[in-house]
Amino acid sequence: MTNMLLAQLSKEEYCYLTTKGRVSGRPHEIEIWFEIHDSTLYLLSGSHTSDWVKNLLKDPAVTVRIAKHTFSGVARVVREQEEERRARYLLAEKYQEWEEGKTLSQWAQTALPVAIDVDAPA
């Protein structure tokens, strides 16, 4: 059920990621591009030092809102090479009209890939 719902929501342009502030402990929400593969959301951070990345490194429990649906999940920096490649190409295809045979943009090549393994809707 979750995978079917996520597949339908993948057409949305943005998701809203909420992390717990690493210093304040308060929720912090950002609007960000995303793509979905199975029950994992992929995001690309423009900087390895983004606050939201630092927050999820300290506490990986996050929530993600897509349209009117909110999911809980566990965030992680993607480290495995094949998954990293998948994340980069999925986001480049969705947002930059990347096609087979084209070169990835600078953003898609260098941004930090982050995965959120999603649970059932909260």
PDB file of N, CA and C in Angstrom:
ATOM      1  N   MET A   1       0.823  -1.202   0.000  1.00  0.00           N
ATOM      2  CA  MET A   1       0.000   0.000   0.000  1.00  0.00           C
ATOM      3  C   MET A   1       0.865   1.262   0.000  1.00  0.00           C
ATOM      4  N   THR A   2       1.895   1.290   0.869  1.00  0.00           N
ATOM      5  CA  THR A   2       2.762   2.466   0.942  1.00  0.00           C
ATOM      6  C   THR A   2       3.465   2.695  -0.390  1.00  0.00           C
ATOM      7  N   ASN A   3       3.991   1.622  -1.018  1.00  0.00           N
ATOM      8  CA  ASN A   3       4.704   1.787  -2.286  1.00  0.00           C
ATOM      9  C   ASN A   3       3.788   2.327  -3.381  1.00  0.00           C
ATOM     10  N   MET A   4       2.536   1.860  -3.419  1.00  0.00           N
ATOM     11  CA  MET A   4       1.593   2.351  -4.432  1.00  0.00           C
ATOM     12  C   MET A   4       1.290   3.830  -4.216  1.00  0.00           C
ATOM     13  N   LEU A   5       1.074   4.211  -2.972  1.00  0.00           N
ATOM     14  CA  LEU A   5       0.808   5.615  -2.664  1.00  0.00           C
ATOM     15  C   LEU A   5       2.020   6.468  -3.012  1.00  0.00           C
ATOM     16  N   LEU A   6       3.205   6.020  -2.642  1.00  0.00           N
ATOM     17  CA  LEU A   6       4.422   6.773  -2.960  1.00  0.00           C
ATOM     18  C   LEU A   6       4.592   6.925  -4.464  1.00  0.00           C
ATOM     19  N   ALA A   7       4.322   5.876  -5.220  1.00  0.00           N
ATOM     20  CA  ALA A   7       4.436   5.951  -6.679  1.00  0.00           C
ATOM     21  C   ALA A   7       3.507   7.030  -7.240  1.00  0.00           C
ATOM     22  N   GLN A   8       2.299   7.121  -6.698  1.00  0.00           N
ATOM     23  CA  GLN A   8       1.368   8.162  -7.143  1.00  0.00           C
ATOM     24  C   GLN A   8       1.874   9.553  -6.775  1.00  0.00           C
ATOM     25  N   LEU A   9       2.477   9.661  -5.597  1.00  0.00           N
ATOM     26  CA  LEU A   9       2.948  10.968  -5.107  1.00  0.00           C
ATOM     27  C   LEU A   9       4.241  11.416  -5.774  1.00  0.00           C
ATOM     28  N   SER A  10       4.914  10.525  -6.477  1.00  0.00           N
ATOM     29  CA  SER A  10       6.196  10.889  -7.100  1.00  0.00           C
ATOM     30  C   SER A  10       6.023  11.966  -8.169  1.00  0.00           C
ATOM     31  N   LYS A  11       4.792  12.180  -8.616  1.00  0.00           N
ATOM     32  CA  LYS A  11       4.531  13.225  -9.615  1.00  0.00           C
ATOM     33  C   LYS A  11       4.558  14.628  -8.996  1.00  0.00           C
ATOM     34  N   GLU A  12       4.468  14.708  -7.676  1.00  0.00           N
ATOM     35  CA  GLU A  12       4.520  16.016  -6.998  1.00  0.00           C
ATOM     36  C   GLU A  12       5.900  16.642  -7.207  1.00  0.00           C
ATOM     37  N   GLU A  13       5.941  17.970  -7.222  1.00  0.00           N
ATOM     38  CA  GLU A  13       7.212  18.655  -7.478  1.00  0.00           C
ATOM     39  C   GLU A  13       8.112  18.714  -6.245  1.00  0.00           C
ATOM     40  N   TYR A  14       7.512  18.902  -5.075  1.00  0.00           N
ATOM     41  CA  TYR A  14       8.285  19.073  -3.846  1.00  0.00           C
ATOM     42  C   TYR A  14       7.784  18.142  -2.753  1.00  0.00           C
ATOM     43  N   CYS A  15       8.670  17.888  -1.812  1.00  0.00           N
ATOM     44  CA  CYS A  15       8.254  17.288  -0.551  1.00  0.00           C
ATOM     45  C   CYS A  15       8.701  18.238   0.549  1.00  0.00           C
ATOM     46  N   TYR A  16       8.204  18.021   1.740  1.00  0.00           N
ATOM     47  CA  TYR A  16       8.537  18.855   2.890  1.00  0.00           C
ATOM     48  C   TYR A  16       9.147  17.948   3.945  1.00  0.00           C
ATOM     49  N   LEU A  17      10.436  18.112   4.153  1.00  0.00           N
ATOM     50  CA  LEU A  17      11.208  17.285   5.073  1.00  0.00           C
ATOM     51  C   LEU A  17      11.308  17.992   6.415  1.00  0.00           C
ATOM     52  N   THR A  18      10.966  17.272   7.475  1.00  0.00           N
ATOM     53  CA  THR A  18      11.107  17.823   8.823  1.00  0.00           C
ATOM     54  C   THR A  18      12.141  17.016   9.580  1.00  0.00           C
ATOM     55  N   THR A  19      13.177  17.720  10.028  1.00  0.00           N
ATOM     56  CA  THR A  19      14.222  17.134  10.866  1.00  0.00           C
ATOM     57  C   THR A  19      14.126  17.758  12.249  1.00  0.00           C
ATOM     58  N   LYS A  20      14.790  17.142  13.207  1.00  0.00           N
ATOM     59  CA  LYS A  20      14.861  17.690  14.563  1.00  0.00           C
ATOM     60  C   LYS A  20      16.152  18.501  14.665  1.00  0.00           C
ATOM     61  N   GLY A  21      16.024  19.752  15.083  1.00  0.00           N
ATOM     62  CA  GLY A  21      17.193  20.615  15.212  1.00  0.00           C
ATOM     63  C   GLY A  21      18.245  19.995  16.119  1.00  0.00           C
ATOM     64  N   ARG A  22      19.471  19.915  15.645  1.00  0.00           N
ATOM     65  CA  ARG A  22      20.538  19.250  16.412  1.00  0.00           C
ATOM     66  C   ARG A  22      20.922  20.027  17.661  1.00  0.00           C
ATOM     67  N   VAL A  23      20.667  21.330  17.687  1.00  0.00           N
ATOM     68  CA  VAL A  23      20.978  22.157  18.851  1.00  0.00           C
ATOM     69  C   VAL A  23      19.702  22.486  19.620  1.00  0.00           C
ATOM     70  N   SER A  24      18.687  22.961  18.901  1.00  0.00           N
ATOM     71  CA  SER A  24      17.456  23.422  19.556  1.00  0.00           C
ATOM     72  C   SER A  24      16.516  22.281  19.935  1.00  0.00           C
ATOM     73  N   GLY A  25      16.574  21.189  19.191  1.00  0.00           N
ATOM     74  CA  GLY A  25      15.627  20.099  19.413  1.00  0.00           C
ATOM     75  C   GLY A  25      14.258  20.364  18.809  1.00  0.00           C
ATOM     76  N   ARG A  26      14.094  21.523  18.182  1.00  0.00           N
ATOM     77  CA  ARG A  26      12.807  21.888  17.575  1.00  0.00           C
ATOM     78  C   ARG A  26      12.725  21.366  16.142  1.00  0.00           C
ATOM     79  N   PRO A  27      11.513  21.119  15.658  1.00  0.00           N
ATOM     80  CA  PRO A  27      11.357  20.658  14.280  1.00  0.00           C
ATOM     81  C   PRO A  27      11.737  21.753  13.277  1.00  0.00           C
ATOM     82  N   HIS A  28      12.412  21.332  12.212  1.00  0.00           N
ATOM     83  CA  HIS A  28      12.802  22.242  11.129  1.00  0.00           C
ATOM     84  C   HIS A  28      12.316  21.641   9.823  1.00  0.00           C
ATOM     85  N   GLU A  29      11.507  22.407   9.085  1.00  0.00           N
ATOM     86  CA  GLU A  29      10.942  21.912   7.828  1.00  0.00           C
ATOM     87  C   GLU A  29      11.556  22.653   6.648  1.00  0.00           C
ATOM     88  N   ILE A  30      11.890  21.888   5.600  1.00  0.00           N
ATOM     89  CA  ILE A  30      12.369  22.489   4.357  1.00  0.00           C
ATOM     90  C   ILE A  30      11.541  21.946   3.197  1.00  0.00           C
ATOM     91  N   GLU A  31      11.456  22.736   2.143  1.00  0.00           N
ATOM     92  CA  GLU A  31      10.854  22.301   0.891  1.00  0.00           C
ATOM     93  C   GLU A  31      12.004  21.865  -0.002  1.00  0.00           C
ATOM     94  N   ILE A  32      11.881  20.682  -0.625  1.00  0.00           N
ATOM     95  CA  ILE A  32      13.012  20.163  -1.394  1.00  0.00           C
ATOM     96  C   ILE A  32      12.520  19.242  -2.503  1.00  0.00           C
ATOM     97  N   TRP A  33      13.301  19.182  -3.577  1.00  0.00           N
ATOM     98  CA  TRP A  33      13.041  18.242  -4.661  1.00  0.00           C
ATOM     99  C   TRP A  33      13.278  16.827  -4.163  1.00  0.00           C
ATOM    100  N   PHE A  34      12.572  15.882  -4.756  1.00  0.00           N
ATOM    101  CA  PHE A  34      12.699  14.487  -4.334  1.00  0.00           C
ATOM    102  C   PHE A  34      12.358  13.562  -5.495  1.00  0.00           C
ATOM    103  N   GLU A  35      12.752  12.338  -5.369  1.00  0.00           N
ATOM    104  CA  GLU A  35      12.276  11.268  -6.246  1.00  0.00           C
ATOM    105  C   GLU A  35      12.157  10.011  -5.407  1.00  0.00           C
ATOM    106  N   ILE A  36      11.370   9.078  -5.892  1.00  0.00           N
ATOM    107  CA  ILE A  36      11.052   7.882  -5.128  1.00  0.00           C
ATOM    108  C   ILE A  36      11.459   6.645  -5.913  1.00  0.00           C
ATOM    109  N   HIS A  37      12.031   5.692  -5.208  1.00  0.00           N
ATOM    110  CA  HIS A  37      12.313   4.371  -5.757  1.00  0.00           C
ATOM    111  C   HIS A  37      11.884   3.361  -4.701  1.00  0.00           C
ATOM    112  N   ASP A  38      10.887   2.544  -5.038  1.00  0.00           N
ATOM    113  CA  ASP A  38      10.288   1.618  -4.078  1.00  0.00           C
ATOM    114  C   ASP A  38       9.775   2.422  -2.874  1.00  0.00           C
ATOM    115  N   SER A  39      10.258   2.136  -1.666  1.00  0.00           N
ATOM    116  CA  SER A  39       9.801   2.889  -0.493  1.00  0.00           C
ATOM    117  C   SER A  39      10.906   3.800   0.049  1.00  0.00           C
ATOM    118  N   THR A  40      11.787   4.232  -0.848  1.00  0.00           N
ATOM    119  CA  THR A  40      12.868   5.142  -0.460  1.00  0.00           C
ATOM    120  C   THR A  40      12.740   6.442  -1.239  1.00  0.00           C
ATOM    121  N   LEU A  41      12.805   7.549  -0.512  1.00  0.00           N
ATOM    122  CA  LEU A  41      12.852   8.869  -1.132  1.00  0.00           C
ATOM    123  C   LEU A  41      14.306   9.266  -1.255  1.00  0.00           C
ATOM    124  N   TYR A  42      14.646   9.882  -2.369  1.00  0.00           N
ATOM    125  CA  TYR A  42      15.999  10.386  -2.578  1.00  0.00           C
ATOM    126  C   TYR A  42      15.962  11.897  -2.706  1.00  0.00           C
ATOM    127  N   LEU A  43      16.921  12.535  -2.064  1.00  0.00           N
ATOM    128  CA  LEU A  43      17.093  13.981  -2.085  1.00  0.00           C
ATOM    129  C   LEU A  43      18.551  14.267  -2.425  1.00  0.00           C
ATOM    130  N   LEU A  44      18.820  15.450  -2.949  1.00  0.00           N
ATOM    131  CA  LEU A  44      20.200  15.868  -3.160  1.00  0.00           C
ATOM    132  C   LEU A  44      20.405  17.182  -2.425  1.00  0.00           C
ATOM    133  N   SER A  45      21.419  17.219  -1.576  1.00  0.00           N
ATOM    134  CA  SER A  45      21.755  18.434  -0.846  1.00  0.00           C
ATOM    135  C   SER A  45      22.846  19.181  -1.605  1.00  0.00           C
ATOM    136  N   GLY A  46      22.626  20.461  -1.818  1.00  0.00           N
ATOM    137  CA  GLY A  46      23.614  21.274  -2.511  1.00  0.00           C
ATOM    138  C   GLY A  46      24.908  21.429  -1.740  1.00  0.00           C
ATOM    139  N   SER A  47      24.872  21.156  -0.441  1.00  0.00           N
ATOM    140  CA  SER A  47      26.059  21.316   0.386  1.00  0.00           C
ATOM    141  C   SER A  47      26.119  20.213   1.437  1.00  0.00           C
ATOM    142  N   HIS A  48      27.319  19.738   1.664  1.00  0.00           N
ATOM    143  CA  HIS A  48      27.518  18.727   2.702  1.00  0.00           C
ATOM    144  C   HIS A  48      27.326  19.316   4.096  1.00  0.00           C
ATOM    145  N   THR A  49      27.256  20.649   4.164  1.00  0.00           N
ATOM    146  CA  THR A  49      27.128  21.316   5.462  1.00  0.00           C
ATOM    147  C   THR A  49      25.744  21.933   5.674  1.00  0.00           C
ATOM    148  N   SER A  50      24.768  21.544   4.877  1.00  0.00           N
ATOM    149  CA  SER A  50      23.409  22.057   5.055  1.00  0.00           C
ATOM    150  C   SER A  50      22.901  21.711   6.449  1.00  0.00           C
ATOM    151  N   ASP A  51      22.150  22.625   7.041  1.00  0.00           N
ATOM    152  CA  ASP A  51      21.608  22.379   8.378  1.00  0.00           C
ATOM    153  C   ASP A  51      20.782  21.108   8.424  1.00  0.00           C
ATOM    154  N   TRP A  52      19.935  20.893   7.407  1.00  0.00           N
ATOM    155  CA  TRP A  52      19.070  19.711   7.447  1.00  0.00           C
ATOM    156  C   TRP A  52      19.881  18.425   7.401  1.00  0.00           C
ATOM    157  N   VAL A  53      21.013  18.430   6.700  1.00  0.00           N
ATOM    158  CA  VAL A  53      21.881  17.243   6.664  1.00  0.00           C
ATOM    159  C   VAL A  53      22.539  17.045   8.030  1.00  0.00           C
ATOM    160  N   LYS A  54      23.037  18.113   8.620  1.00  0.00           N
ATOM    161  CA  LYS A  54      23.628  18.008   9.959  1.00  0.00           C
ATOM    162  C   LYS A  54      22.599  17.504  10.970  1.00  0.00           C
ATOM    163  N   ASN A  55      21.361  17.986  10.834  1.00  0.00           N
ATOM    164  CA  ASN A  55      20.294  17.547  11.747  1.00  0.00           C
ATOM    165  C   ASN A  55      20.032  16.051  11.617  1.00  0.00           C
ATOM    166  N   LEU A  56      19.902  15.558  10.403  1.00  0.00           N
ATOM    167  CA  LEU A  56      19.573  14.137  10.238  1.00  0.00           C
ATOM    168  C   LEU A  56      20.753  13.230  10.582  1.00  0.00           C
ATOM    169  N   LEU A  57      21.971  13.757  10.498  1.00  0.00           N
ATOM    170  CA  LEU A  57      23.122  12.964  10.943  1.00  0.00           C
ATOM    171  C   LEU A  57      23.085  12.763  12.451  1.00  0.00           C
ATOM    172  N   LYS A  58      22.589  13.770  13.162  1.00  0.00           N
ATOM    173  CA  LYS A  58      22.487  13.643  14.615  1.00  0.00           C
ATOM    174  C   LYS A  58      21.277  12.801  15.021  1.00  0.00           C
ATOM    175  N   ASP A  59      20.148  12.989  14.342  1.00  0.00           N
ATOM    176  CA  ASP A  59      18.931  12.226  14.642  1.00  0.00           C
ATOM    177  C   ASP A  59      18.268  11.879  13.308  1.00  0.00           C
ATOM    178  N   PRO A  60      18.417  10.643  12.831  1.00  0.00           N
ATOM    179  CA  PRO A  60      17.907  10.276  11.508  1.00  0.00           C
ATOM    180  C   PRO A  60      16.392  10.084  11.426  1.00  0.00           C
ATOM    181  N   ALA A  61      15.682  10.161  12.528  1.00  0.00           N
ATOM    182  CA  ALA A  61      14.218  10.041  12.485  1.00  0.00           C
ATOM    183  C   ALA A  61      13.640  11.330  11.909  1.00  0.00           C
ATOM    184  N   VAL A  62      12.935  11.212  10.790  1.00  0.00           N
ATOM    185  CA  VAL A  62      12.392  12.381  10.097  1.00  0.00           C
ATOM    186  C   VAL A  62      10.936  12.121   9.714  1.00  0.00           C
ATOM    187  N   THR A  63      10.255  13.185   9.310  1.00  0.00           N
ATOM    188  CA  THR A  63       8.964  13.044   8.660  1.00  0.00           C
ATOM    189  C   THR A  63       9.040  13.738   7.310  1.00  0.00           C
ATOM    190  N   VAL A  64       8.244  13.231   6.378  1.00  0.00           N
ATOM    191  CA  VAL A  64       8.188  13.789   5.035  1.00  0.00           C
ATOM    192  C   VAL A  64       6.723  13.953   4.665  1.00  0.00           C
ATOM    193  N   ARG A  65       6.392  15.149   4.206  1.00  0.00           N
ATOM    194  CA  ARG A  65       5.036  15.421   3.745  1.00  0.00           C
ATOM    195  C   ARG A  65       5.079  15.611   2.240  1.00  0.00           C
ATOM    196  N   ILE A  66       4.222  14.861   1.562  1.00  0.00           N
ATOM    197  CA  ILE A  66       4.065  14.995   0.118  1.00  0.00           C
ATOM    198  C   ILE A  66       2.580  15.180  -0.123  1.00  0.00           C
ATOM    199  N   ALA A  67       2.234  16.313  -0.709  1.00  0.00           N
ATOM    200  CA  ALA A  67       0.827  16.694  -0.872  1.00  0.00           C
ATOM    201  C   ALA A  67       0.179  16.654   0.510  1.00  0.00           C
ATOM    202  N   LYS A  68      -0.863  15.874   0.692  1.00  0.00           N
ATOM    203  CA  LYS A  68      -1.544  15.833   1.997  1.00  0.00           C
ATOM    204  C   LYS A  68      -1.168  14.606   2.810  1.00  0.00           C
ATOM    205  N   HIS A  69      -0.129  13.908   2.411  1.00  0.00           N
ATOM    206  CA  HIS A  69       0.277  12.675   3.082  1.00  0.00           C
ATOM    207  C   HIS A  69       1.593  12.889   3.823  1.00  0.00           C
ATOM    208  N   THR A  70       1.647  12.427   5.062  1.00  0.00           N
ATOM    209  CA  THR A  70       2.854  12.542   5.877  1.00  0.00           C
ATOM    210  C   THR A  70       3.355  11.150   6.222  1.00  0.00           C
ATOM    211  N   PHE A  71       4.652  10.951   6.054  1.00  0.00           N
ATOM    212  CA  PHE A  71       5.295   9.666   6.310  1.00  0.00           C
ATOM    213  C   PHE A  71       6.401   9.850   7.333  1.00  0.00           C
ATOM    214  N   SER A  72       6.607   8.859   8.167  1.00  0.00           N
ATOM    215  CA  SER A  72       7.789   8.850   9.021  1.00  0.00           C
ATOM    216  C   SER A  72       8.849   8.033   8.304  1.00  0.00           C
ATOM    217  N   GLY A  73      10.090   8.288   8.648  1.00  0.00           N
ATOM    218  CA  GLY A  73      11.162   7.555   7.994  1.00  0.00           C
ATOM    219  C   GLY A  73      12.478   7.728   8.711  1.00  0.00           C
ATOM    220  N   VAL A  74      13.464   7.032   8.193  1.00  0.00           N
ATOM    221  CA  VAL A  74      14.823   7.099   8.721  1.00  0.00           C
ATOM    222  C   VAL A  74      15.718   7.584   7.593  1.00  0.00           C
ATOM    223  N   ALA A  75      16.403   8.685   7.840  1.00  0.00           N
ATOM    224  CA  ALA A  75      17.262   9.307   6.825  1.00  0.00           C
ATOM    225  C   ALA A  75      18.702   8.832   6.980  1.00  0.00           C
ATOM    226  N   ARG A  76      19.387   8.820   5.849  1.00  0.00           N
ATOM    227  CA  ARG A  76      20.799   8.437   5.847  1.00  0.00           C
ATOM    228  C   ARG A  76      21.473   9.023   4.624  1.00  0.00           C
ATOM    229  N   VAL A  77      22.761   9.312   4.764  1.00  0.00           N
ATOM    230  CA  VAL A  77      23.563   9.716   3.612  1.00  0.00           C
ATOM    231  C   VAL A  77      23.837   8.453   2.810  1.00  0.00           C
ATOM    232  N   VAL A  78      23.649   8.527   1.509  1.00  0.00           N
ATOM    233  CA  VAL A  78      23.866   7.366   0.646  1.00  0.00           C
ATOM    234  C   VAL A  78      25.364   7.157   0.470  1.00  0.00           C
ATOM    235  N   ARG A  79      25.829   5.971   0.777  1.00  0.00           N
ATOM    236  CA  ARG A  79      27.257   5.669   0.695  1.00  0.00           C
ATOM    237  C   ARG A  79      27.577   4.587  -0.340  1.00  0.00           C
ATOM    238  N   GLU A  80      26.592   3.733  -0.634  1.00  0.00           N
ATOM    239  CA  GLU A  80      26.815   2.628  -1.560  1.00  0.00           C
ATOM    240  C   GLU A  80      26.796   3.180  -2.993  1.00  0.00           C
ATOM    241  N   GLN A  81      27.767   2.792  -3.795  1.00  0.00           N
ATOM    242  CA  GLN A  81      27.989   3.390  -5.107  1.00  0.00           C
ATOM    243  C   GLN A  81      26.797   3.241  -6.057  1.00  0.00           C
ATOM    244  N   GLU A  82      26.195   2.079  -6.137  1.00  0.00           N
ATOM    245  CA  GLU A  82      25.078   1.883  -7.062  1.00  0.00           C
ATOM    246  C   GLU A  82      23.845   2.679  -6.628  1.00  0.00           C
ATOM    247  N   GLU A  83      23.593   2.738  -5.310  1.00  0.00           N
ATOM    248  CA  GLU A  83      22.464   3.530  -4.833  1.00  0.00           C
ATOM    249  C   GLU A  83      22.714   5.022  -5.057  1.00  0.00           C
ATOM    250  N   GLU A  84      23.939   5.455  -4.883  1.00  0.00           N
ATOM    251  CA  GLU A  84      24.281   6.860  -5.123  1.00  0.00           C
ATOM    252  C   GLU A  84      24.021   7.218  -6.588  1.00  0.00           C
ATOM    253  N   ARG A  85      24.438   6.353  -7.474  1.00  0.00           N
ATOM    254  CA  ARG A  85      24.222   6.570  -8.908  1.00  0.00           C
ATOM    255  C   ARG A  85      22.718   6.650  -9.197  1.00  0.00           C
ATOM    256  N   ARG A  86      21.944   5.728  -8.627  1.00  0.00           N
ATOM    257  CA  ARG A  86      20.491   5.724  -8.821  1.00  0.00           C
ATOM    258  C   ARG A  86      19.896   7.054  -8.389  1.00  0.00           C
ATOM    259  N   ALA A  87      20.259   7.521  -7.206  1.00  0.00           N
ATOM    260  CA  ALA A  87      19.708   8.778  -6.683  1.00  0.00           C
ATOM    261  C   ALA A  87      20.007   9.940  -7.624  1.00  0.00           C
ATOM    262  N   ARG A  88      21.243  10.050  -8.061  1.00  0.00           N
ATOM    263  CA  ARG A  88      21.642  11.158  -8.944  1.00  0.00           C
ATOM    264  C   ARG A  88      20.852  11.143 -10.250  1.00  0.00           C
ATOM    265  N   TYR A  89      20.752   9.980 -10.869  1.00  0.00           N
ATOM    266  CA  TYR A  89      20.065   9.891 -12.155  1.00  0.00           C
ATOM    267  C   TYR A  89      18.555  10.058 -12.018  1.00  0.00           C
ATOM    268  N   LEU A  90      17.963   9.539 -10.951  1.00  0.00           N
ATOM    269  CA  LEU A  90      16.523   9.714 -10.752  1.00  0.00           C
ATOM    270  C   LEU A  90      16.155  11.195 -10.629  1.00  0.00           C
ATOM    271  N   LEU A  91      16.907  11.931  -9.831  1.00  0.00           N
ATOM    272  CA  LEU A  91      16.610  13.354  -9.645  1.00  0.00           C
ATOM    273  C   LEU A  91      16.927  14.166 -10.891  1.00  0.00           C
ATOM    274  N   ALA A  92      18.005  13.846 -11.581  1.00  0.00           N
ATOM    275  CA  ALA A  92      18.349  14.561 -12.813  1.00  0.00           C
ATOM    276  C   ALA A  92      17.283  14.337 -13.886  1.00  0.00           C
ATOM    277  N   GLU A  93      16.770  13.120 -13.958  1.00  0.00           N
ATOM    278  CA  GLU A  93      15.741  12.820 -14.947  1.00  0.00           C
ATOM    279  C   GLU A  93      14.450  13.575 -14.631  1.00  0.00           C
ATOM    280  N   LYS A  94      14.080  13.617 -13.364  1.00  0.00           N
ATOM    281  CA  LYS A  94      12.824  14.274 -12.977  1.00  0.00           C
ATOM    282  C   LYS A  94      12.891  15.791 -13.133  1.00  0.00           C
ATOM    283  N   TYR A  95      13.985  16.400 -12.730  1.00  0.00           N
ATOM    284  CA  TYR A  95      14.034  17.864 -12.657  1.00  0.00           C
ATOM    285  C   TYR A  95      14.844  18.544 -13.761  1.00  0.00           C
ATOM    286  N   GLN A  96      15.700  17.803 -14.422  1.00  0.00           N
ATOM    287  CA  GLN A  96      16.558  18.451 -15.417  1.00  0.00           C
ATOM    288  C   GLN A  96      16.434  17.819 -16.801  1.00  0.00           C
ATOM    289  N   GLU A  97      15.403  17.025 -16.992  1.00  0.00           N
ATOM    290  CA  GLU A  97      15.136  16.399 -18.276  1.00  0.00           C
ATOM    291  C   GLU A  97      16.336  15.611 -18.797  1.00  0.00           C
ATOM    292  N   TRP A  98      17.065  14.995 -17.865  1.00  0.00           N
ATOM    293  CA  TRP A  98      18.193  14.157 -18.265  1.00  0.00           C
ATOM    294  C   TRP A  98      17.671  12.962 -19.035  1.00  0.00           C
ATOM    295  N   GLU A  99      18.421  12.560 -20.058  1.00  0.00           N
ATOM    296  CA  GLU A  99      18.084  11.378 -20.845  1.00  0.00           C
ATOM    297  C   GLU A  99      19.335  10.536 -21.019  1.00  0.00           C
ATOM    298  N   GLU A 100      19.124   9.257 -21.302  1.00  0.00           N
ATOM    299  CA  GLU A 100      20.224   8.334 -21.566  1.00  0.00           C
ATOM    300  C   GLU A 100      21.142   8.948 -22.617  1.00  0.00           C
ATOM    301  N   GLY A 101      22.438   8.888 -22.356  1.00  0.00           N
ATOM    302  CA  GLY A 101      23.411   9.424 -23.297  1.00  0.00           C
ATOM    303  C   GLY A 101      23.840  10.850 -22.998  1.00  0.00           C
ATOM    304  N   LYS A 102      23.100  11.551 -22.154  1.00  0.00           N
ATOM    305  CA  LYS A 102      23.479  12.919 -21.775  1.00  0.00           C
ATOM    306  C   LYS A 102      24.373  12.873 -20.549  1.00  0.00           C
ATOM    307  N   THR A 103      25.123  13.940 -20.344  1.00  0.00           N
ATOM    308  CA  THR A 103      25.963  14.081 -19.165  1.00  0.00           C
ATOM    309  C   THR A 103      25.137  14.690 -18.036  1.00  0.00           C
ATOM    310  N   LEU A 104      25.385  14.229 -16.818  1.00  0.00           N
ATOM    311  CA  LEU A 104      24.706  14.826 -15.664  1.00  0.00           C
ATOM    312  C   LEU A 104      25.174  16.256 -15.460  1.00  0.00           C
ATOM    313  N   SER A 105      24.294  17.091 -14.956  1.00  0.00           N
ATOM    314  CA  SER A 105      24.658  18.473 -14.621  1.00  0.00           C
ATOM    315  C   SER A 105      25.659  18.482 -13.469  1.00  0.00           C
ATOM    316  N   GLN A 106      26.275  19.616 -13.267  1.00  0.00           N
ATOM    317  CA  GLN A 106      27.200  19.792 -12.136  1.00  0.00           C
ATOM    318  C   GLN A 106      26.492  19.481 -10.821  1.00  0.00           C
ATOM    319  N   TRP A 107      25.255  19.972 -10.680  1.00  0.00           N
ATOM    320  CA  TRP A 107      24.465  19.717  -9.470  1.00  0.00           C
ATOM    321  C   TRP A 107      24.269  18.226  -9.251  1.00  0.00           C
ATOM    322  N   ALA A 108      23.825  17.512 -10.280  1.00  0.00           N
ATOM    323  CA  ALA A 108      23.553  16.086 -10.144  1.00  0.00           C
ATOM    324  C   ALA A 108      24.830  15.287  -9.894  1.00  0.00           C
ATOM    325  N   GLN A 109      25.957  15.778 -10.381  1.00  0.00           N
ATOM    326  CA  GLN A 109      27.226  15.078 -10.185  1.00  0.00           C
ATOM    327  C   GLN A 109      27.816  15.280  -8.795  1.00  0.00           C
ATOM    328  N   THR A 110      27.595  16.454  -8.203  1.00  0.00           N
ATOM    329  CA  THR A 110      28.339  16.797  -6.987  1.00  0.00           C
ATOM    330  C   THR A 110      27.503  16.902  -5.715  1.00  0.00           C
ATOM    331  N   ALA A 111      26.183  17.002  -5.840  1.00  0.00           N
ATOM    332  CA  ALA A 111      25.344  17.139  -4.645  1.00  0.00           C
ATOM    333  C   ALA A 111      25.416  15.868  -3.798  1.00  0.00           C
ATOM    334  N   LEU A 112      25.159  16.032  -2.519  1.00  0.00           N
ATOM    335  CA  LEU A 112      25.195  14.916  -1.576  1.00  0.00           C
ATOM    336  C   LEU A 112      23.873  14.156  -1.617  1.00  0.00           C
ATOM    337  N   PRO A 113      23.898  12.876  -1.997  1.00  0.00           N
ATOM    338  CA  PRO A 113      22.657  12.112  -2.030  1.00  0.00           C
ATOM    339  C   PRO A 113      22.248  11.642  -0.624  1.00  0.00           C
ATOM    340  N   VAL A 114      20.980  11.852  -0.316  1.00  0.00           N
ATOM    341  CA  VAL A 114      20.413  11.449   0.962  1.00  0.00           C
ATOM    342  C   VAL A 114      19.202  10.564   0.672  1.00  0.00           C
ATOM    343  N   ALA A 115      19.078   9.475   1.434  1.00  0.00           N
ATOM    344  CA  ALA A 115      17.944   8.570   1.282  1.00  0.00           C
ATOM    345  C   ALA A 115      17.102   8.610   2.547  1.00  0.00           C
ATOM    346  N   ILE A 116      15.804   8.488   2.355  1.00  0.00           N
ATOM    347  CA  ILE A 116      14.887   8.364   3.472  1.00  0.00           C
ATOM    348  C   ILE A 116      14.092   7.089   3.255  1.00  0.00           C
ATOM    349  N   ASP A 117      14.317   6.128   4.129  1.00  0.00           N
ATOM    350  CA  ASP A 117      13.581   4.878   4.074  1.00  0.00           C
ATOM    351  C   ASP A 117      12.263   5.112   4.804  1.00  0.00           C
ATOM    352  N   VAL A 118      11.175   5.065   4.052  1.00  0.00           N
ATOM    353  CA  VAL A 118       9.876   5.503   4.528  1.00  0.00           C
ATOM    354  C   VAL A 118       9.069   4.355   5.129  1.00  0.00           C
ATOM    355  N   ASP A 119       8.380   4.678   6.236  1.00  0.00           N
ATOM    356  CA  ASP A 119       7.436   3.764   6.867  1.00  0.00           C
ATOM    357  C   ASP A 119       6.045   4.071   6.319  1.00  0.00           C
ATOM    358  N   ALA A 120       5.070   3.423   6.828  1.00  0.00           N
ATOM    359  CA  ALA A 120       3.672   3.686   6.459  1.00  0.00           C
ATOM    360  C   ALA A 120       3.316   5.128   6.804  1.00  0.00           C
ATOM    361  N   PRO A 121       2.282   5.676   6.159  1.00  0.00           N
ATOM    362  CA  PRO A 121       1.882   7.059   6.472  1.00  0.00           C
ATOM    363  C   PRO A 121       1.637   7.235   7.959  1.00  0.00           C
ATOM    364  N   ALA A 122       2.083   8.381   8.481  1.00  0.00           N
ATOM    365  CA  ALA A 122       1.941   8.676   9.911  1.00  0.00           C
ATOM    366  C   ALA A 122       0.514   9.083  10.233  1.00  0.00           C
TER     367      ALA A 122
END
